[in-house]
Structures are given as C-alpha cells and as structure tokens.
N, C-alpha and C. Protein backbone atom coordinates (compact mmCIF):
# COMPACT_ATOMS: atom_id res chain seq x y z
N UNK A 1 -60.10 76.58 -125.04
CA UNK A 1 -59.51 76.16 -123.94
C UNK A 1 -57.94 76.50 -124.20
N UNK A 2 -56.82 77.09 -123.39
CA UNK A 2 -55.62 77.24 -123.31
C UNK A 2 -55.05 76.42 -122.39
N UNK A 3 -54.38 75.49 -122.52
CA UNK A 3 -53.38 74.92 -121.41
C UNK A 3 -52.30 75.51 -121.47
N UNK A 4 -52.04 75.80 -119.93
CA UNK A 4 -50.96 76.60 -119.41
C UNK A 4 -49.97 75.81 -119.13
N UNK A 5 -48.59 76.22 -119.53
CA UNK A 5 -47.39 75.40 -118.89
C UNK A 5 -46.48 76.51 -118.34
N UNK A 6 -45.39 76.33 -117.86
CA UNK A 6 -45.02 77.34 -116.89
C UNK A 6 -44.20 78.07 -117.77
N UNK A 7 -44.67 79.56 -117.98
CA UNK A 7 -43.93 80.24 -118.34
C UNK A 7 -44.51 80.46 -120.14
N UNK A 8 -44.65 79.76 -120.74
CA UNK A 8 -44.71 79.56 -122.30
C UNK A 8 -46.07 78.36 -122.37
N UNK A 9 -46.96 78.74 -123.27
CA UNK A 9 -47.67 77.73 -124.07
C UNK A 9 -47.73 77.92 -125.52
N UNK A 10 -48.16 76.91 -126.31
CA UNK A 10 -48.50 77.22 -127.87
C UNK A 10 -47.03 77.44 -128.31
N UNK A 11 -45.93 76.66 -127.56
CA UNK A 11 -44.71 77.07 -128.17
C UNK A 11 -44.34 75.96 -129.29
N UNK A 12 -43.88 76.64 -130.73
CA UNK A 12 -43.25 75.62 -131.56
C UNK A 12 -42.18 76.43 -132.46
N UNK A 13 -41.40 75.56 -132.79
CA UNK A 13 -40.25 76.00 -133.62
C UNK A 13 -40.27 75.11 -134.73
N UNK A 14 -40.18 75.74 -136.12
CA UNK A 14 -40.18 75.19 -137.36
C UNK A 14 -38.86 75.52 -138.13
N UNK A 15 -38.05 74.61 -138.47
CA UNK A 15 -36.95 74.94 -139.38
C UNK A 15 -36.78 74.31 -140.44
N UNK A 16 -36.26 75.18 -141.66
CA UNK A 16 -35.99 74.88 -142.91
C UNK A 16 -34.70 74.92 -143.50
N UNK A 17 -34.44 73.67 -143.91
CA UNK A 17 -32.75 73.68 -144.36
C UNK A 17 -32.45 73.59 -145.74
N UNK A 18 -31.44 74.15 -146.37
CA UNK A 18 -30.98 74.03 -147.84
C UNK A 18 -29.69 74.06 -147.63
N UNK A 19 -29.05 72.68 -147.58
CA UNK A 19 -27.40 72.65 -147.35
C UNK A 19 -26.82 73.06 -148.67
N UNK A 20 -27.32 72.99 -149.65
CA UNK A 20 -26.81 72.93 -150.95
C UNK A 20 -27.43 74.06 -152.03
N UNK A 21 -26.64 74.79 -153.09
CA UNK A 21 -27.21 75.68 -153.98
C UNK A 21 -27.97 74.49 -155.01
N UNK A 22 -29.18 74.98 -155.41
CA UNK A 22 -29.97 74.23 -156.38
C UNK A 22 -30.44 75.11 -157.41
N UNK A 23 -30.19 74.67 -158.67
CA UNK A 23 -30.53 75.43 -159.86
C UNK A 23 -32.09 75.55 -159.76
N UNK A 24 -33.04 76.42 -159.78
CA UNK A 24 -34.00 76.58 -160.08
C UNK A 24 -34.99 76.09 -161.18
N UNK A 25 -34.10 76.78 -162.00
CA UNK A 25 -34.48 76.03 -163.89
C UNK A 25 -33.48 75.26 -163.97
N UNK A 26 -33.44 73.97 -164.38
CA UNK A 26 -32.47 72.96 -164.86
C UNK A 26 -31.58 73.39 -166.07
N UNK A 27 -32.40 74.26 -167.06
CA UNK A 27 -31.41 74.65 -168.05
C UNK A 27 -31.18 76.48 -168.10
N UNK A 28 -31.16 76.70 -166.90
CA UNK A 28 -30.55 78.10 -166.63
C UNK A 28 -29.72 78.00 -165.16
N UNK A 29 -28.46 78.52 -164.94
CA UNK A 29 -27.82 78.21 -164.15
C UNK A 29 -27.61 79.59 -163.39
N UNK A 30 -28.51 80.79 -163.92
CA UNK A 30 -28.26 82.22 -163.41
C UNK A 30 -29.22 82.27 -161.81
N UNK A 31 -30.38 80.97 -161.87
CA UNK A 31 -31.46 81.32 -161.26
C UNK A 31 -31.16 79.98 -159.93
N UNK A 32 -30.51 80.32 -158.84
CA UNK A 32 -30.31 79.32 -158.09
C UNK A 32 -30.92 79.78 -156.47
N UNK A 33 -31.36 78.52 -155.85
CA UNK A 33 -31.69 78.76 -154.71
C UNK A 33 -30.39 78.46 -153.63
N UNK A 34 -29.82 79.73 -153.16
CA UNK A 34 -28.82 79.42 -152.34
C UNK A 34 -28.83 78.37 -151.01
N UNK A 35 -27.75 78.25 -150.63
CA UNK A 35 -27.77 77.38 -149.15
C UNK A 35 -28.45 78.32 -148.20
N UNK A 36 -29.79 78.09 -147.25
CA UNK A 36 -30.06 78.75 -146.28
C UNK A 36 -30.36 78.00 -145.27
N UNK A 37 -31.04 78.87 -144.15
CA UNK A 37 -31.54 78.05 -142.89
C UNK A 37 -32.66 79.44 -142.66
N UNK A 38 -33.92 78.63 -142.36
CA UNK A 38 -35.03 79.74 -141.97
C UNK A 38 -35.55 78.81 -140.76
N UNK A 39 -35.73 79.63 -139.54
CA UNK A 39 -36.13 79.42 -138.46
C UNK A 39 -37.55 80.24 -137.85
N UNK A 40 -38.48 79.63 -137.72
CA UNK A 40 -39.74 80.18 -137.26
C UNK A 40 -40.00 80.09 -135.75
N UNK A 41 -40.08 80.94 -135.00
CA UNK A 41 -40.58 80.54 -133.21
C UNK A 41 -42.07 81.19 -133.05
N UNK A 42 -42.67 80.69 -132.26
CA UNK A 42 -44.16 81.49 -131.89
C UNK A 42 -44.25 80.82 -130.35
N UNK A 43 -44.39 81.72 -129.15
CA UNK A 43 -44.69 81.32 -128.19
C UNK A 43 -45.29 82.42 -127.55
N UNK A 44 -46.31 81.90 -126.86
CA UNK A 44 -47.12 82.87 -125.94
C UNK A 44 -46.51 82.85 -124.60
N UNK A 45 -46.49 83.76 -123.87
CA UNK A 45 -45.81 84.09 -122.52
C UNK A 45 -47.11 84.19 -121.78
N UNK A 46 -47.09 83.55 -120.54
CA UNK A 46 -47.65 83.82 -119.43
C UNK A 46 -47.12 83.79 -117.87
N UNK A 47 -47.53 83.92 -116.83
CA UNK A 47 -46.95 83.89 -115.62
C UNK A 47 -47.19 82.85 -114.90
N UNK A 48 -47.49 81.58 -115.55
CA UNK A 48 -47.79 80.49 -114.57
C UNK A 48 -46.96 79.91 -114.16
N UNK A 49 -46.55 80.18 -112.57
CA UNK A 49 -45.25 79.68 -111.78
C UNK A 49 -44.10 80.38 -112.02
N UNK A 50 -43.75 81.33 -113.09
CA UNK A 50 -42.90 81.90 -113.38
C UNK A 50 -43.46 83.28 -113.89
N UNK A 51 -42.75 84.29 -113.72
CA UNK A 51 -43.15 85.48 -114.29
C UNK A 51 -42.45 86.19 -115.78
N UNK A 52 -42.49 85.20 -116.45
CA UNK A 52 -42.02 85.25 -118.00
C UNK A 52 -42.40 86.24 -118.67
N UNK A 53 -43.60 86.94 -118.53
CA UNK A 53 -44.21 88.11 -119.03
C UNK A 53 -43.38 89.46 -118.58
N UNK A 54 -42.96 89.28 -117.55
CA UNK A 54 -41.74 90.52 -117.00
C UNK A 54 -40.76 90.08 -117.76
N UNK A 55 -40.26 89.16 -117.35
CA UNK A 55 -38.98 88.91 -117.94
C UNK A 55 -38.68 89.16 -119.44
N UNK A 56 -39.34 88.86 -120.10
CA UNK A 56 -39.28 88.79 -121.60
C UNK A 56 -40.32 90.06 -122.01
N UNK A 57 -40.86 90.85 -121.30
CA UNK A 57 -41.73 92.00 -121.62
C UNK A 57 -41.33 93.18 -122.32
N UNK A 58 -39.50 93.32 -122.47
CA UNK A 58 -39.06 94.28 -123.46
C UNK A 58 -39.33 94.00 -124.72
N UNK A 59 -39.41 92.69 -124.98
CA UNK A 59 -39.47 91.92 -126.15
C UNK A 59 -40.64 92.51 -126.83
N UNK A 60 -41.91 92.36 -126.09
CA UNK A 60 -43.20 92.58 -126.39
C UNK A 60 -43.43 94.12 -126.45
N UNK A 61 -42.94 94.81 -125.48
CA UNK A 61 -42.78 96.37 -125.57
C UNK A 61 -42.41 97.08 -126.82
N UNK A 62 -40.96 97.03 -127.14
CA UNK A 62 -40.63 97.47 -128.34
C UNK A 62 -40.97 96.64 -129.55
N UNK A 63 -41.44 95.51 -129.46
CA UNK A 63 -42.07 94.82 -131.11
C UNK A 63 -43.29 94.01 -130.40
N UNK A 64 -44.48 94.99 -130.18
CA UNK A 64 -45.54 94.46 -130.01
C UNK A 64 -46.13 93.46 -131.01
N UNK A 65 -46.86 92.77 -130.50
CA UNK A 65 -47.80 91.44 -131.61
C UNK A 65 -48.97 92.39 -131.38
N UNK A 66 -49.40 93.12 -132.84
CA UNK A 66 -50.78 93.44 -132.71
C UNK A 66 -51.88 92.57 -132.84
N UNK A 67 -51.32 91.20 -133.23
CA UNK A 67 -52.89 90.49 -133.45
C UNK A 67 -52.74 89.31 -132.02
N UNK A 68 -51.62 88.87 -131.50
CA UNK A 68 -51.71 87.95 -130.48
C UNK A 68 -50.86 88.76 -129.10
N UNK A 69 -51.40 89.54 -128.12
CA UNK A 69 -50.69 90.19 -127.15
C UNK A 69 -49.68 89.82 -126.63
N UNK A 70 -49.69 88.58 -126.09
CA UNK A 70 -48.55 87.66 -125.49
C UNK A 70 -47.67 87.29 -126.11
N UNK A 71 -47.89 86.98 -127.30
CA UNK A 71 -47.26 86.08 -128.45
C UNK A 71 -46.09 86.37 -129.00
N UNK A 72 -44.72 85.98 -128.84
CA UNK A 72 -43.50 86.02 -129.65
C UNK A 72 -43.70 85.50 -130.75
N UNK A 73 -43.35 85.95 -132.17
CA UNK A 73 -43.30 85.39 -133.46
C UNK A 73 -41.91 86.07 -133.84
N UNK A 74 -40.89 85.33 -134.11
CA UNK A 74 -39.43 85.43 -134.04
C UNK A 74 -39.37 84.37 -135.72
N UNK A 75 -38.51 85.39 -136.66
CA UNK A 75 -38.04 84.26 -137.67
C UNK A 75 -36.51 85.02 -138.16
N UNK A 76 -35.97 83.72 -138.30
CA UNK A 76 -34.19 83.81 -138.36
C UNK A 76 -34.26 83.30 -139.96
N UNK A 77 -33.49 84.09 -140.75
CA UNK A 77 -33.21 83.44 -142.02
C UNK A 77 -31.58 83.65 -142.06
N UNK A 78 -31.09 82.76 -142.65
CA UNK A 78 -29.59 82.74 -142.92
C UNK A 78 -29.22 82.19 -144.23
N UNK A 79 -28.79 83.09 -144.99
CA UNK A 79 -28.96 82.49 -146.39
C UNK A 79 -27.30 83.04 -147.19
N UNK A 80 -26.63 82.24 -148.36
CA UNK A 80 -25.57 82.55 -148.98
C UNK A 80 -25.57 83.57 -149.87
N UNK A 81 -25.31 84.67 -149.85
CA UNK A 81 -25.22 85.94 -151.04
C UNK A 81 -24.20 85.26 -152.02
N UNK A 82 -24.31 85.08 -153.18
CA UNK A 82 -23.28 84.52 -154.32
C UNK A 82 -22.61 85.87 -154.56
N UNK A 83 -23.31 86.88 -154.71
CA UNK A 83 -22.65 88.03 -155.20
C UNK A 83 -21.66 88.96 -154.00
N UNK A 84 -22.20 88.61 -152.84
CA UNK A 84 -21.23 88.94 -151.77
C UNK A 84 -20.41 88.26 -151.19
N UNK A 85 -20.50 86.91 -151.70
CA UNK A 85 -19.69 85.62 -151.00
C UNK A 85 -19.42 85.63 -149.44
N UNK A 86 -20.32 85.45 -149.17
CA UNK A 86 -20.75 85.53 -147.63
C UNK A 86 -22.21 85.42 -147.53
N UNK A 87 -22.35 84.76 -146.07
CA UNK A 87 -23.68 84.55 -145.58
C UNK A 87 -24.47 85.76 -145.12
N UNK A 88 -25.57 85.85 -145.57
CA UNK A 88 -26.28 87.06 -144.92
C UNK A 88 -27.45 86.68 -143.72
N UNK A 89 -27.77 87.50 -142.74
CA UNK A 89 -28.73 87.11 -141.56
C UNK A 89 -29.63 88.20 -141.77
N UNK A 90 -31.25 87.39 -141.57
CA UNK A 90 -32.39 88.45 -141.19
C UNK A 90 -32.86 88.26 -139.96
N UNK A 91 -33.38 88.92 -139.81
CA UNK A 91 -34.38 88.70 -138.09
C UNK A 91 -35.63 89.48 -138.32
N UNK A 92 -36.73 88.80 -137.84
CA UNK A 92 -38.29 89.57 -137.95
C UNK A 92 -38.48 89.18 -136.76
N UNK A 93 -39.17 90.11 -135.89
CA UNK A 93 -39.83 90.06 -134.49
C UNK A 93 -41.33 90.45 -134.91
N UNK A 94 -42.51 89.60 -134.76
CA UNK A 94 -43.55 90.04 -134.77
C UNK A 94 -44.10 91.06 -135.70
N UNK A 95 -43.55 90.46 -137.07
CA UNK A 95 -43.80 90.96 -138.20
C UNK A 95 -43.00 92.28 -138.61
N UNK A 96 -42.15 92.71 -138.01
CA UNK A 96 -41.21 93.90 -137.89
C UNK A 96 -39.88 93.42 -138.06
N UNK A 97 -39.06 94.22 -138.67
CA UNK A 97 -37.57 93.77 -139.13
C UNK A 97 -36.95 94.28 -137.88
N UNK A 98 -36.00 93.18 -137.43
CA UNK A 98 -35.25 93.52 -136.08
C UNK A 98 -33.70 93.45 -136.76
N UNK A 99 -33.15 94.66 -136.79
CA UNK A 99 -32.05 94.83 -137.40
C UNK A 99 -30.77 94.73 -136.23
N UNK A 100 -29.62 94.02 -136.71
CA UNK A 100 -28.29 93.84 -135.38
C UNK A 100 -27.77 95.14 -135.63
N UNK A 101 -28.02 95.99 -134.42
CA UNK A 101 -27.52 97.19 -133.93
C UNK A 101 -27.16 97.58 -132.71
N UNK A 102 -26.33 98.28 -132.14
CA UNK A 102 -26.48 98.46 -130.98
C UNK A 102 -27.84 98.84 -129.92
N UNK A 103 -28.78 99.56 -130.58
CA UNK A 103 -29.58 99.93 -129.84
C UNK A 103 -30.99 98.93 -130.01
N UNK A 104 -30.53 97.60 -130.58
CA UNK A 104 -31.04 96.81 -130.30
C UNK A 104 -30.80 95.30 -129.75
N UNK A 105 -29.58 95.64 -129.28
CA UNK A 105 -29.06 94.34 -128.33
C UNK A 105 -29.65 93.79 -127.01
N UNK A 106 -30.00 94.92 -126.51
CA UNK A 106 -30.68 94.35 -125.38
C UNK A 106 -32.12 93.27 -125.90
N UNK A 107 -32.78 93.50 -126.88
CA UNK A 107 -33.42 92.48 -127.61
C UNK A 107 -32.95 91.42 -127.86
N UNK A 108 -31.63 91.44 -128.72
CA UNK A 108 -31.25 90.15 -128.94
C UNK A 108 -30.64 89.26 -127.69
N UNK A 109 -30.37 90.11 -126.51
CA UNK A 109 -29.97 89.33 -125.46
C UNK A 109 -31.37 88.64 -124.93
N UNK A 110 -32.43 89.36 -124.99
CA UNK A 110 -33.40 88.77 -124.52
C UNK A 110 -34.04 87.80 -125.23
N UNK A 111 -33.99 87.63 -126.64
CA UNK A 111 -34.16 86.38 -127.22
C UNK A 111 -33.16 85.21 -126.93
N UNK A 112 -31.95 85.57 -127.09
CA UNK A 112 -30.83 84.65 -126.68
C UNK A 112 -31.45 83.77 -125.14
N UNK A 113 -31.89 84.46 -124.39
CA UNK A 113 -32.25 84.03 -122.81
C UNK A 113 -33.60 83.05 -123.19
N UNK A 114 -34.59 83.81 -123.96
CA UNK A 114 -35.78 82.90 -124.49
C UNK A 114 -35.36 81.52 -125.15
N UNK A 115 -34.37 81.55 -125.75
CA UNK A 115 -33.93 80.17 -126.57
C UNK A 115 -33.30 79.44 -125.81
N UNK A 116 -32.39 80.25 -124.88
CA UNK A 116 -31.78 79.03 -123.76
C UNK A 116 -32.75 78.63 -122.46
N UNK A 117 -33.98 79.48 -122.40
CA UNK A 117 -34.90 78.76 -121.37
C UNK A 117 -35.64 77.96 -122.17
N UNK A 118 -35.85 77.81 -123.39
CA UNK A 118 -36.77 76.91 -124.17
C UNK A 118 -36.06 75.47 -124.30
N UNK A 119 -34.80 76.08 -124.57
CA UNK A 119 -33.82 74.96 -124.92
C UNK A 119 -33.92 73.93 -123.48
N UNK A 120 -34.19 74.19 -122.19
CA UNK A 120 -33.91 73.78 -121.08
C UNK A 120 -35.25 73.62 -120.33
N UNK A 121 -36.37 73.99 -121.13
CA UNK A 121 -37.77 74.06 -120.21
C UNK A 121 -38.02 72.15 -120.01
N UNK A 122 -38.59 72.13 -118.97
CA UNK A 122 -39.01 70.95 -118.82
C UNK A 122 -40.58 70.58 -119.17
N UNK A 123 -41.42 71.76 -119.17
CA UNK A 123 -42.90 71.49 -119.45
C UNK A 123 -42.84 72.49 -120.59
N UNK A 124 -43.24 71.66 -122.26
CA UNK A 124 -43.45 72.53 -123.06
C UNK A 124 -44.69 71.72 -123.80
N UNK A 125 -45.49 72.57 -124.46
CA UNK A 125 -46.58 71.80 -125.09
C UNK A 125 -47.35 72.98 -125.77
N UNK A 126 -48.45 72.03 -126.46
CA UNK A 126 -49.37 73.38 -127.32
C UNK A 126 -50.56 72.29 -127.30
N UNK A 127 -51.81 73.16 -127.07
CA UNK A 127 -53.33 72.78 -127.43
C UNK A 127 -53.51 72.27 -128.60
N UNK A 128 -54.11 71.14 -128.66
CA UNK A 128 -53.93 70.19 -129.94
C UNK A 128 -55.07 71.47 -130.70
N UNK A 129 -55.87 71.90 -130.39
CA UNK A 129 -56.68 72.67 -130.97
C UNK A 129 -56.18 73.92 -131.71
N UNK A 130 -54.95 74.27 -130.86
CA UNK A 130 -54.46 75.50 -131.53
C UNK A 130 -53.41 74.95 -132.69
N UNK A 131 -53.02 73.89 -132.46
CA UNK A 131 -52.31 73.47 -133.45
C UNK A 131 -52.72 73.09 -134.81
N UNK A 132 -54.20 72.99 -135.02
CA UNK A 132 -54.76 72.85 -136.09
C UNK A 132 -55.42 74.28 -136.32
N UNK A 133 -55.00 75.03 -135.70
CA UNK A 133 -56.13 76.39 -135.80
C UNK A 133 -55.43 77.45 -136.99
N UNK A 134 -55.93 78.15 -137.60
CA UNK A 134 -55.86 79.45 -138.36
C UNK A 134 -54.78 80.31 -137.53
N UNK A 135 -54.87 80.69 -136.55
CA UNK A 135 -53.82 81.21 -135.77
C UNK A 135 -52.44 80.45 -135.89
N UNK A 136 -52.41 79.49 -135.77
CA UNK A 136 -50.92 78.50 -135.89
C UNK A 136 -50.62 78.81 -137.45
N UNK A 137 -51.46 78.44 -138.56
CA UNK A 137 -51.03 77.97 -139.56
C UNK A 137 -50.51 79.51 -140.01
N UNK A 138 -51.03 80.76 -139.47
CA UNK A 138 -50.58 82.15 -139.70
C UNK A 138 -49.41 82.48 -139.13
N UNK A 139 -49.00 81.95 -137.91
CA UNK A 139 -47.64 81.87 -137.58
C UNK A 139 -46.51 81.27 -138.22
N UNK A 140 -46.88 80.17 -138.51
CA UNK A 140 -46.07 79.38 -139.65
C UNK A 140 -45.99 79.51 -141.03
N UNK A 141 -46.84 80.28 -141.43
CA UNK A 141 -47.03 80.64 -142.69
C UNK A 141 -45.91 80.55 -143.93
N UNK A 142 -44.59 80.75 -143.30
CA UNK A 142 -43.50 80.46 -144.05
C UNK A 142 -43.84 78.73 -144.91
N UNK A 143 -43.66 78.09 -143.97
CA UNK A 143 -43.80 76.63 -144.33
C UNK A 143 -45.08 76.34 -145.25
N UNK A 144 -46.13 77.04 -144.96
CA UNK A 144 -47.10 76.75 -146.05
C UNK A 144 -47.04 77.29 -147.06
N UNK A 145 -46.35 78.57 -147.41
CA UNK A 145 -45.88 78.70 -148.66
C UNK A 145 -44.95 77.76 -149.16
N UNK A 146 -44.09 77.35 -148.61
CA UNK A 146 -43.20 76.24 -149.08
C UNK A 146 -43.80 74.65 -149.57
N UNK A 147 -45.24 74.82 -149.02
CA UNK A 147 -46.10 73.43 -149.32
C UNK A 147 -45.60 72.22 -148.29
N UNK A 148 -45.40 72.81 -147.11
CA UNK A 148 -44.92 71.88 -146.16
C UNK A 148 -45.95 72.04 -145.04
N UNK A 149 -47.18 71.63 -145.11
CA UNK A 149 -48.22 71.82 -144.16
C UNK A 149 -48.32 70.82 -142.78
N UNK A 150 -48.02 69.81 -143.26
CA UNK A 150 -48.02 68.75 -142.17
C UNK A 150 -47.22 68.77 -141.59
N UNK A 151 -46.48 69.54 -140.88
CA UNK A 151 -45.34 69.57 -139.97
C UNK A 151 -45.76 70.63 -138.63
N UNK A 152 -46.88 70.75 -138.70
CA UNK A 152 -47.35 71.68 -137.45
C UNK A 152 -47.35 70.89 -136.16
N UNK A 153 -47.58 69.79 -136.07
CA UNK A 153 -47.29 68.69 -134.74
C UNK A 153 -45.81 68.73 -134.15
N UNK A 154 -45.33 68.49 -135.44
CA UNK A 154 -43.88 68.37 -135.33
C UNK A 154 -43.18 69.54 -134.54
N UNK A 155 -43.24 70.63 -135.10
CA UNK A 155 -43.15 71.86 -134.84
C UNK A 155 -43.12 72.21 -133.14
N UNK A 156 -44.27 71.67 -132.58
CA UNK A 156 -44.75 71.61 -131.14
C UNK A 156 -44.44 70.50 -130.33
N UNK A 157 -43.53 69.09 -131.18
CA UNK A 157 -43.10 68.59 -130.00
C UNK A 157 -42.25 69.15 -129.24
N UNK A 158 -42.33 69.06 -127.87
CA UNK A 158 -41.28 69.39 -126.54
C UNK A 158 -39.98 68.86 -127.10
N UNK A 159 -39.38 67.66 -127.23
CA UNK A 159 -38.22 67.22 -127.89
C UNK A 159 -37.80 68.27 -128.92
N UNK A 160 -38.41 68.43 -130.03
CA UNK A 160 -38.07 69.19 -131.09
C UNK A 160 -37.96 70.66 -130.88
N UNK A 161 -38.70 71.47 -130.15
CA UNK A 161 -38.88 72.50 -129.40
C UNK A 161 -37.22 72.56 -128.91
N UNK A 162 -37.15 72.05 -127.71
CA UNK A 162 -35.73 72.10 -127.06
C UNK A 162 -34.77 71.71 -128.02
N UNK A 163 -34.56 70.91 -128.96
CA UNK A 163 -33.70 70.79 -129.78
C UNK A 163 -33.33 72.10 -130.93
N UNK A 164 -34.30 72.62 -131.45
CA UNK A 164 -34.10 73.59 -132.21
C UNK A 164 -33.96 75.13 -131.33
N UNK A 165 -34.11 75.00 -130.25
CA UNK A 165 -34.27 76.21 -129.43
C UNK A 165 -32.72 76.25 -128.89
N UNK A 166 -31.73 75.25 -128.75
CA UNK A 166 -30.48 74.71 -128.41
C UNK A 166 -29.70 75.23 -129.71
N UNK A 167 -29.90 74.67 -130.91
CA UNK A 167 -29.37 75.26 -132.00
C UNK A 167 -29.22 76.83 -132.16
N UNK A 168 -30.54 77.29 -131.94
CA UNK A 168 -30.71 78.62 -132.19
C UNK A 168 -30.07 79.47 -130.85
N UNK A 169 -29.72 79.09 -130.03
CA UNK A 169 -29.10 79.55 -128.75
C UNK A 169 -27.47 79.42 -128.90
N UNK A 170 -27.20 78.56 -129.45
CA UNK A 170 -25.76 78.51 -130.08
C UNK A 170 -25.44 79.43 -131.35
N UNK A 171 -26.29 79.75 -132.09
CA UNK A 171 -26.06 80.31 -133.23
C UNK A 171 -26.16 81.94 -132.77
N UNK A 172 -27.00 82.47 -131.96
CA UNK A 172 -27.14 83.49 -131.45
C UNK A 172 -25.75 84.12 -130.70
N UNK A 173 -25.27 82.95 -129.88
CA UNK A 173 -23.77 83.32 -129.62
C UNK A 173 -22.74 83.63 -130.67
N UNK A 174 -22.94 82.85 -131.88
CA UNK A 174 -21.90 82.98 -132.82
C UNK A 174 -22.35 84.54 -133.32
N UNK A 175 -23.52 84.47 -133.77
CA UNK A 175 -23.90 86.21 -134.05
C UNK A 175 -23.64 87.28 -133.06
N UNK A 176 -23.80 87.05 -132.03
CA UNK A 176 -22.90 88.04 -131.10
C UNK A 176 -21.54 88.06 -131.08
N UNK A 177 -20.71 86.97 -131.26
CA UNK A 177 -19.02 87.34 -131.22
C UNK A 177 -18.70 87.85 -132.69
N UNK A 178 -19.41 87.62 -133.69
CA UNK A 178 -19.20 88.25 -134.98
C UNK A 178 -19.62 89.75 -134.75
N UNK A 179 -20.67 89.98 -134.21
CA UNK A 179 -20.90 91.37 -134.14
C UNK A 179 -20.08 92.11 -133.32
N UNK A 180 -19.61 91.79 -132.28
CA UNK A 180 -18.52 92.22 -131.53
C UNK A 180 -17.18 92.31 -131.74
N UNK A 181 -17.07 91.42 -132.80
CA UNK A 181 -15.53 91.35 -133.64
C UNK A 181 -15.35 92.31 -134.67
N UNK A 182 -16.29 92.94 -135.26
CA UNK A 182 -16.22 93.67 -136.22
C UNK A 182 -15.52 94.96 -136.24
C-alpha cells in the first residue's frame, strides 16, 4: 500500500557529518578520515494534486532509475582533500555520477527546485511498511555500510526532511555561485 502525499511520497533525507579529521589508526597519521558531509535523498514522484512528475521529469528522463521508475535517489558528498588543500564535491543521481558542467546545469537547477519544494512542503511522509523494507534500506545503503541502521524513521520525519532540504538548497546556491565564478 502506498500512501500518496501531494507530489511526493516515501521521501527521506539522511545526513552524515564528520566535522574534524580523525586518524583511522591511532599509531599512523597517514590514514586520516577527512572532514566530510554525506547526504542521501530518496523521493518518489506522483501527480497527486500537483504535476511533479512533469515538473521534475527531466531528472528521471536524463537519469532514469532502473529499479524504481518514479523515484529519485540523489547522493551528495563534500569532503576535504588534504592533498589539494580544498573541499571536493561528488554528486550521484540514480546510481550514476552527475558531473557539474554546463550540459548538466538544467539537472542541477531541477534538483535545487526539488530541494526548495521539499523544504517548504506541508505534506510529507512515508509508509511505515516502506521505511522497514529492503527497498528503503537499499536507497540508504551508505548508512548501513557505516553501521547506522536505526535512523530510517528519523530520515523520513517531515521536520527532518524539511530541515535537511533547506540546508541542501543553501548548499546548491553556494555550489552554483562558485561554479559561475570560475
């Protein structure tokens, strides 16, 4: 059973932050876990009251999800590279790398719009069955690999989704400013 919310359902955002570099081995300073942020978004689009499948259809057209046709899975990593002495960013969209370059600017624009819409959404939520399903676990596999498996309910709380979406909206703004100022 799917519970339909306006435009989206089974929406969750997970965030993992490491604010300071940590030595992986206490007796070896060469292996360090750098400061980083990892964000995972999953949302399934519908046209319940709003035509979000058409609005955000370009994302699914250029980066189709081969497992869940109307679902967007987005992953963002920002980490400090000690060798380059700067922060690096990686983007993944439906299990494919999303490269920040001119031909992908429309996708980045749509993702920024999606995060903005999620940050302001009145109706968000997820089916309890979905939250404990293998499908949900697969969408948030990063967190399971890190041993953080009890967070799925928190990732789907509407207040958390709105807060993390707002943070990512601001991050997209900064990413685009930096890109255009190169």
